[in-house]
């Protein structure tokens, strides 16, 4: 599989977006990174997400604004783990097919719900999002 290289003009624009945010403080660094990521995806939609993330890391390091991601993220004392694309797609697909009480919505769009959810997941992944989930709660043992 051939990888599409990052266009120098796209990289220059990404760098300008982040530099502007750092020096003017008109937006947060996270907003500027998200904007630079979106700019790269918009100008070069076939770029691999890793290519965009590598360029962002290089730009942030050059600006002295890079902070490595934390090794472990916890919630309620339990580590969070990355959700799979399938898990992520199943959740909105379920919400589109069933109401809050679990009763099926009679729309005839069950297949379309799965397609829409899958497209949403692809777009989130292409934009660099990572969704974390709590691991299952430990099993309860009664009477030990």
Protein backbone atom coordinates (compact mmCIF):
# COMPACT_ATOMS: atom_id res chain seq x y z
CA UNK A 1 0.00 0.00 0.00
CA UNK A 2 1.47 3.34 -1.04
CA UNK A 3 1.42 6.07 1.57
CA UNK A 4 0.54 9.58 0.50
CA UNK A 5 3.23 12.08 1.59
CA UNK A 6 2.33 15.27 3.38
CA UNK A 7 2.36 18.19 0.96
CA UNK A 8 4.89 20.90 2.04
CA UNK A 9 2.24 23.63 1.68
CA UNK A 10 -0.14 21.68 3.91
CA UNK A 11 2.58 21.25 6.53
CA UNK A 12 3.43 24.97 6.33
CA UNK A 13 -0.22 25.86 6.92
CA UNK A 14 -0.48 23.39 9.81
CA UNK A 15 2.60 24.95 11.39
CA UNK A 16 1.26 28.49 10.88
CA UNK A 17 -2.03 27.52 12.57
CA UNK A 18 -0.25 26.17 15.64
CA UNK A 19 2.32 28.99 15.78
CA UNK A 20 -0.46 31.59 15.61
CA UNK A 21 -2.29 29.97 18.53
CA UNK A 22 0.88 29.79 20.65
CA UNK A 23 1.90 33.40 20.06
CA UNK A 24 -1.49 35.12 20.10
CA UNK A 25 -3.27 32.87 22.59
CA UNK A 26 -6.51 33.52 20.70
CA UNK A 27 -7.29 29.79 20.91
CA UNK A 28 -6.03 26.92 23.02
CA UNK A 29 -3.25 24.71 21.79
CA UNK A 30 -5.66 21.78 21.66
CA UNK A 31 -8.01 23.79 19.42
CA UNK A 32 -5.11 24.79 17.17
CA UNK A 33 -3.92 21.18 16.88
CA UNK A 34 -7.45 20.05 16.05
CA UNK A 35 -7.71 22.80 13.44
CA UNK A 36 -4.33 21.85 11.94
CA UNK A 37 -5.39 18.20 11.87
CA UNK A 38 -8.64 19.14 10.11
CA UNK A 39 -6.76 21.35 7.67
CA UNK A 40 -4.51 18.43 6.70
CA UNK A 41 -7.49 16.08 6.33
CA UNK A 42 -9.32 18.66 4.22
CA UNK A 43 -6.40 19.44 1.90
CA UNK A 44 -5.23 15.82 1.63
CA UNK A 45 -8.13 13.49 2.49
CA UNK A 46 -6.15 10.34 1.61
CA UNK A 47 -3.39 10.98 4.15
CA UNK A 48 -2.90 8.24 6.70
CA UNK A 49 -3.79 9.44 10.23
CA UNK A 50 -0.28 8.41 11.37
CA UNK A 51 1.27 10.76 8.80
CA UNK A 52 -0.77 13.69 10.13
CA UNK A 53 -0.03 12.82 13.77
CA UNK A 54 3.71 12.50 13.06
CA UNK A 55 3.74 15.95 11.43
CA UNK A 56 1.80 17.45 14.35
CA UNK A 57 4.24 15.92 16.84
CA UNK A 58 7.22 17.32 14.89
CA UNK A 59 5.63 20.78 14.73
CA UNK A 60 4.81 20.81 18.45
CA UNK A 61 8.32 19.63 19.36
CA UNK A 62 9.85 22.37 17.20
CA UNK A 63 7.67 24.94 18.98
CA UNK A 64 8.55 23.56 22.42
CA UNK A 65 4.89 22.76 23.05
CA UNK A 66 4.93 18.97 22.87
CA UNK A 67 3.80 16.93 25.85
CA UNK A 68 3.82 13.17 25.43
CA UNK A 69 0.49 11.46 26.06
CA UNK A 70 0.06 9.94 29.51
CA UNK A 71 0.88 6.26 29.76
CA UNK A 72 -2.25 5.31 31.68
CA UNK A 73 -5.57 7.07 31.95
CA UNK A 74 -7.82 6.11 34.84
CA UNK A 75 -11.47 6.72 35.70
CA UNK A 76 -12.85 5.82 39.13
CA UNK A 77 -9.55 4.10 39.91
CA UNK A 78 -9.79 1.77 36.92
CA UNK A 79 -7.67 2.06 33.76
CA UNK A 80 -9.37 3.11 30.54
CA UNK A 81 -8.71 1.07 27.42
CA UNK A 82 -9.14 2.10 23.77
CA UNK A 83 -12.53 1.16 22.32
CA UNK A 84 -12.47 -0.78 19.08
CA UNK A 85 -14.02 0.60 15.89
CA UNK A 86 -16.71 -2.09 16.12
CA UNK A 87 -17.62 -1.13 19.69
CA UNK A 88 -17.74 2.51 18.74
CA UNK A 89 -19.97 1.85 15.71
CA UNK A 90 -22.34 -0.41 17.65
CA UNK A 91 -23.25 2.29 20.17
CA UNK A 92 -24.69 4.96 17.81
CA UNK A 93 -26.17 2.23 15.58
CA UNK A 94 -28.04 0.84 18.59
CA UNK A 95 -29.20 4.34 19.57
CA UNK A 96 -30.59 4.88 16.06
CA UNK A 97 -32.41 1.52 16.05
CA UNK A 98 -33.82 1.42 19.59
CA UNK A 99 -35.40 3.97 21.95
CA UNK A 100 -34.35 4.62 25.56
CA UNK A 101 -36.40 1.68 26.87
CA UNK A 102 -34.86 -0.75 24.36
CA UNK A 103 -37.91 -0.97 22.10
CA UNK A 104 -37.20 -1.09 18.37
CA UNK A 105 -37.89 2.04 16.40
CA UNK A 106 -40.16 1.05 13.51
CA UNK A 107 -38.43 3.08 10.82
CA UNK A 108 -37.09 0.46 8.45
CA UNK A 109 -33.68 2.11 8.62
CA UNK A 110 -31.87 -0.59 10.62
CA UNK A 111 -29.30 -1.16 7.88
CA UNK A 112 -28.85 2.57 7.31
CA UNK A 113 -28.20 3.04 11.03
CA UNK A 114 -25.27 0.62 10.88
CA UNK A 115 -23.89 2.33 7.75
CA UNK A 116 -24.18 5.78 9.31
CA UNK A 117 -22.48 4.59 12.49
CA UNK A 118 -19.64 2.98 10.54
CA UNK A 119 -19.12 6.21 8.55
CA UNK A 120 -19.08 8.21 11.80
CA UNK A 121 -16.38 5.91 13.20
CA UNK A 122 -14.26 6.22 10.05
CA UNK A 123 -14.48 10.01 10.20
CA UNK A 124 -13.60 10.13 13.90
CA UNK A 125 -10.60 7.85 13.34
CA UNK A 126 -9.44 9.89 10.34
CA UNK A 127 -9.65 13.01 12.49
CA UNK A 128 -7.41 11.47 15.15
CA UNK A 129 -10.00 10.82 17.84
CA UNK A 130 -9.39 8.07 20.37
CA UNK A 131 -12.33 6.88 22.43
CA UNK A 132 -11.63 5.16 25.72
CA UNK A 133 -13.89 2.87 27.68
CA UNK A 134 -13.95 1.52 31.19
CA UNK A 135 -13.17 -2.17 31.50
CA UNK A 136 -16.03 -4.34 32.76
CA UNK A 137 -16.68 -4.09 36.47
CA UNK A 138 -15.16 -6.92 38.52
CA UNK A 139 -17.54 -9.82 39.03
CA UNK A 140 -19.38 -9.80 42.34
CA UNK A 141 -18.92 -12.86 44.49
CA UNK A 142 -21.62 -13.34 47.10
CA UNK A 143 -20.72 -14.76 50.45
CA UNK A 144 -17.02 -15.24 49.58
